[in-house]
């Protein structure tokens, strides 16, 4: 299994509007934390994120967390 690239060792905090987003799982996207298609040709696929409430979210940027797009603090141990 391939290892994702670490885009940064802290979460990306942002306010999101309700809607569907595609979270980058490979770490290569230039539009972090969202997918720009850079995973093509790899085994990585973006994760669909459905937001139903406008609020601040902490999105994983280290790409090594166990909860996908939601930051779980894994970056602290990298």
N, C-alpha and C. Protein backbone atom coordinates (compact mmCIF):
# COMPACT_ATOMS: atom_id res chain seq x y z
N UNK A 1 0.84 -1.19 0.00
CA UNK A 1 0.00 0.00 0.00
C UNK A 1 0.88 1.25 0.00
N UNK A 2 0.54 2.20 -0.83
CA UNK A 2 1.30 3.45 -0.94
C UNK A 2 1.07 4.32 0.28
N UNK A 3 2.04 5.17 0.55
CA UNK A 3 1.95 6.11 1.67
C UNK A 3 1.63 7.49 1.12
N UNK A 4 0.61 8.15 1.68
CA UNK A 4 0.28 9.49 1.19
C UNK A 4 1.34 10.52 1.58
N UNK A 5 1.46 11.56 0.80
CA UNK A 5 2.36 12.66 1.12
C UNK A 5 1.73 13.51 2.22
N UNK A 6 2.56 14.06 3.09
CA UNK A 6 2.08 14.96 4.14
C UNK A 6 2.07 16.36 3.56
N UNK A 7 0.88 16.96 3.45
CA UNK A 7 0.84 18.32 2.90
C UNK A 7 1.19 19.34 3.96
N UNK A 8 0.83 19.07 5.22
CA UNK A 8 1.27 19.89 6.36
C UNK A 8 0.97 19.12 7.63
N UNK A 9 1.71 19.45 8.71
CA UNK A 9 1.56 18.74 9.98
C UNK A 9 0.66 19.49 10.95
N UNK A 10 -0.41 20.02 10.45
CA UNK A 10 -1.44 20.64 11.27
C UNK A 10 -2.73 20.62 10.45
N UNK A 11 -3.87 20.65 11.13
CA UNK A 11 -5.12 20.61 10.37
C UNK A 11 -5.36 21.91 9.62
N UNK A 12 -6.20 21.83 8.62
CA UNK A 12 -6.63 23.02 7.89
C UNK A 12 -8.00 23.38 8.44
N UNK A 13 -8.07 24.53 9.11
CA UNK A 13 -9.33 24.98 9.71
C UNK A 13 -10.02 25.89 8.71
N UNK A 14 -11.27 25.57 8.42
CA UNK A 14 -12.01 26.42 7.49
C UNK A 14 -13.51 26.28 7.71
N UNK A 15 -14.20 27.36 7.41
CA UNK A 15 -15.65 27.33 7.47
C UNK A 15 -16.16 26.81 6.13
N UNK A 16 -17.00 25.78 6.20
CA UNK A 16 -17.55 25.19 4.99
C UNK A 16 -19.05 25.41 4.93
N UNK A 17 -19.51 25.70 3.74
CA UNK A 17 -20.94 25.83 3.46
C UNK A 17 -21.50 24.42 3.21
N UNK A 18 -22.79 24.22 3.42
CA UNK A 18 -23.38 22.93 3.07
C UNK A 18 -23.13 22.59 1.60
N UNK A 19 -22.82 21.35 1.36
CA UNK A 19 -22.54 20.90 -0.01
C UNK A 19 -21.66 19.67 0.01
N UNK A 20 -21.23 19.25 -1.17
CA UNK A 20 -20.37 18.09 -1.32
C UNK A 20 -18.98 18.55 -1.74
N UNK A 21 -17.99 18.02 -1.06
CA UNK A 21 -16.58 18.35 -1.31
C UNK A 21 -15.83 17.04 -1.51
N UNK A 22 -14.68 17.12 -2.14
CA UNK A 22 -13.83 15.95 -2.34
C UNK A 22 -12.48 16.20 -1.68
N UNK A 23 -12.23 15.49 -0.57
CA UNK A 23 -11.01 15.64 0.22
C UNK A 23 -9.87 14.85 -0.42
N UNK A 24 -8.73 15.50 -0.56
CA UNK A 24 -7.54 14.87 -1.13
C UNK A 24 -6.98 13.84 -0.14
N UNK A 25 -6.83 12.60 -0.59
CA UNK A 25 -6.28 11.54 0.24
C UNK A 25 -4.80 11.26 -0.05
N UNK A 26 -4.30 11.72 -1.20
CA UNK A 26 -2.92 11.41 -1.60
C UNK A 26 -1.90 12.41 -1.07
N UNK A 27 -2.34 13.63 -0.80
CA UNK A 27 -1.44 14.67 -0.32
C UNK A 27 -0.75 15.45 -1.43
N UNK A 28 -1.02 15.13 -2.68
CA UNK A 28 -0.34 15.79 -3.81
C UNK A 28 -1.09 17.01 -4.36
N UNK A 29 -2.34 17.16 -4.00
CA UNK A 29 -3.17 18.24 -4.56
C UNK A 29 -2.59 19.62 -4.26
N UNK A 30 -2.66 20.49 -5.23
CA UNK A 30 -2.23 21.88 -5.05
C UNK A 30 -3.35 22.73 -4.46
N UNK A 31 -4.53 22.14 -4.30
CA UNK A 31 -5.69 22.86 -3.76
C UNK A 31 -6.10 22.26 -2.41
N UNK A 32 -5.12 21.94 -1.57
CA UNK A 32 -5.37 21.33 -0.26
C UNK A 32 -6.39 22.13 0.53
N UNK A 33 -7.27 21.45 1.22
CA UNK A 33 -7.34 20.02 1.48
C UNK A 33 -8.18 19.26 0.46
N UNK A 34 -8.53 19.93 -0.63
CA UNK A 34 -9.43 19.32 -1.60
C UNK A 34 -8.68 18.77 -2.81
N UNK A 35 -9.30 17.82 -3.47
CA UNK A 35 -8.71 17.11 -4.61
C UNK A 35 -8.65 17.99 -5.85
N UNK A 36 -7.53 17.89 -6.56
CA UNK A 36 -7.41 18.54 -7.87
C UNK A 36 -7.10 17.53 -8.97
N UNK A 37 -7.21 16.24 -8.64
CA UNK A 37 -6.95 15.18 -9.62
C UNK A 37 -5.52 14.68 -9.63
N UNK A 38 -4.67 15.18 -8.75
CA UNK A 38 -3.26 14.77 -8.73
C UNK A 38 -3.06 13.30 -8.39
N UNK A 39 -4.07 12.65 -7.86
CA UNK A 39 -3.97 11.23 -7.50
C UNK A 39 -4.02 10.30 -8.72
N UNK A 40 -4.38 10.83 -9.87
CA UNK A 40 -4.54 9.97 -11.06
C UNK A 40 -3.25 9.20 -11.32
N UNK A 41 -3.40 7.91 -11.56
CA UNK A 41 -2.25 7.05 -11.78
C UNK A 41 -1.72 6.43 -10.49
N UNK A 42 -2.37 6.71 -9.36
CA UNK A 42 -1.99 6.12 -8.07
C UNK A 42 -3.15 5.29 -7.56
N UNK A 43 -2.95 4.64 -6.43
CA UNK A 43 -4.04 3.86 -5.83
C UNK A 43 -4.95 4.71 -4.95
N UNK A 44 -4.66 5.98 -4.81
CA UNK A 44 -5.46 6.86 -3.97
C UNK A 44 -6.71 7.34 -4.69
N UNK A 45 -7.76 7.54 -3.91
CA UNK A 45 -9.00 8.13 -4.42
C UNK A 45 -9.45 9.18 -3.41
N UNK A 46 -10.03 10.28 -3.89
CA UNK A 46 -10.50 11.30 -2.95
C UNK A 46 -11.70 10.78 -2.16
N UNK A 47 -11.89 11.37 -0.99
CA UNK A 47 -13.01 10.99 -0.14
C UNK A 47 -14.13 12.02 -0.25
N UNK A 48 -15.33 11.54 -0.51
CA UNK A 48 -16.49 12.43 -0.58
C UNK A 48 -16.83 12.93 0.83
N UNK A 49 -17.01 14.24 0.94
CA UNK A 49 -17.36 14.87 2.21
C UNK A 49 -18.67 15.62 1.98
N UNK A 50 -19.71 15.23 2.71
CA UNK A 50 -21.00 15.89 2.60
C UNK A 50 -21.21 16.74 3.85
N UNK A 51 -21.28 18.03 3.67
CA UNK A 51 -21.46 18.98 4.77
C UNK A 51 -22.93 19.41 4.78
N UNK A 52 -23.54 19.30 5.94
CA UNK A 52 -24.96 19.67 6.07
C UNK A 52 -25.16 20.93 6.89
N UNK A 53 -24.10 21.37 7.58
CA UNK A 53 -24.22 22.53 8.46
C UNK A 53 -23.04 23.48 8.25
N UNK A 54 -23.31 24.76 8.04
CA UNK A 54 -22.25 25.74 7.88
C UNK A 54 -21.59 25.96 9.24
N UNK A 55 -20.30 25.64 9.33
CA UNK A 55 -19.53 25.87 10.55
C UNK A 55 -18.05 25.65 10.26
N UNK A 56 -17.22 25.86 11.28
CA UNK A 56 -15.79 25.62 11.17
C UNK A 56 -15.49 24.13 11.29
N UNK A 57 -14.60 23.65 10.45
CA UNK A 57 -14.18 22.25 10.48
C UNK A 57 -12.66 22.19 10.51
N UNK A 58 -12.12 21.13 11.09
CA UNK A 58 -10.69 20.85 11.08
C UNK A 58 -10.47 19.68 10.13
N UNK A 59 -9.91 19.98 8.98
CA UNK A 59 -9.69 18.96 7.96
C UNK A 59 -8.26 18.45 8.03
N UNK A 60 -8.12 17.13 7.93
CA UNK A 60 -6.81 16.50 8.01
C UNK A 60 -5.93 16.94 6.83
N UNK A 61 -4.71 17.36 7.15
CA UNK A 61 -3.75 17.73 6.11
C UNK A 61 -2.54 16.81 6.10
N UNK A 62 -2.39 16.00 7.17
CA UNK A 62 -1.24 15.09 7.20
C UNK A 62 -1.52 13.82 6.39
N UNK A 63 -2.79 13.53 6.15
CA UNK A 63 -3.22 12.39 5.32
C UNK A 63 -2.94 11.03 5.96
N UNK A 64 -2.58 11.01 7.24
CA UNK A 64 -2.27 9.77 7.92
C UNK A 64 -3.26 9.43 9.03
N UNK A 65 -4.27 10.25 9.24
CA UNK A 65 -5.25 10.02 10.29
C UNK A 65 -6.12 8.80 10.02
N UNK A 66 -6.78 8.33 11.06
CA UNK A 66 -7.64 7.15 10.97
C UNK A 66 -9.09 7.50 10.67
N UNK A 67 -9.40 8.80 10.63
CA UNK A 67 -10.78 9.23 10.43
C UNK A 67 -11.00 9.93 9.10
N UNK A 68 -10.12 9.68 8.14
CA UNK A 68 -10.28 10.30 6.82
C UNK A 68 -10.11 11.80 6.88
N UNK A 69 -11.10 12.51 6.39
CA UNK A 69 -10.99 13.97 6.24
C UNK A 69 -11.02 14.73 7.56
N UNK A 70 -11.55 14.14 8.61
CA UNK A 70 -11.63 14.83 9.91
C UNK A 70 -10.33 14.66 10.66
N UNK A 71 -9.73 15.75 11.08
CA UNK A 71 -8.48 15.68 11.83
C UNK A 71 -8.70 14.92 13.15
N UNK A 72 -7.83 13.95 13.41
CA UNK A 72 -7.91 13.19 14.66
C UNK A 72 -6.65 13.35 15.51
N UNK A 73 -5.78 14.30 15.13
CA UNK A 73 -4.58 14.57 15.93
C UNK A 73 -3.38 13.72 15.56
N UNK A 74 -3.49 12.85 14.57
CA UNK A 74 -2.37 11.99 14.18
C UNK A 74 -1.14 12.80 13.81
N UNK A 75 -1.32 14.01 13.26
CA UNK A 75 -0.18 14.84 12.83
C UNK A 75 0.80 15.11 13.98
N UNK A 76 0.33 15.05 15.22
CA UNK A 76 1.19 15.32 16.38
C UNK A 76 2.26 14.25 16.56
N UNK A 77 2.04 13.07 16.00
CA UNK A 77 2.99 11.97 16.16
C UNK A 77 3.86 11.75 14.93
N UNK A 78 3.73 12.58 13.93
CA UNK A 78 4.52 12.40 12.70
C UNK A 78 5.85 13.12 12.78
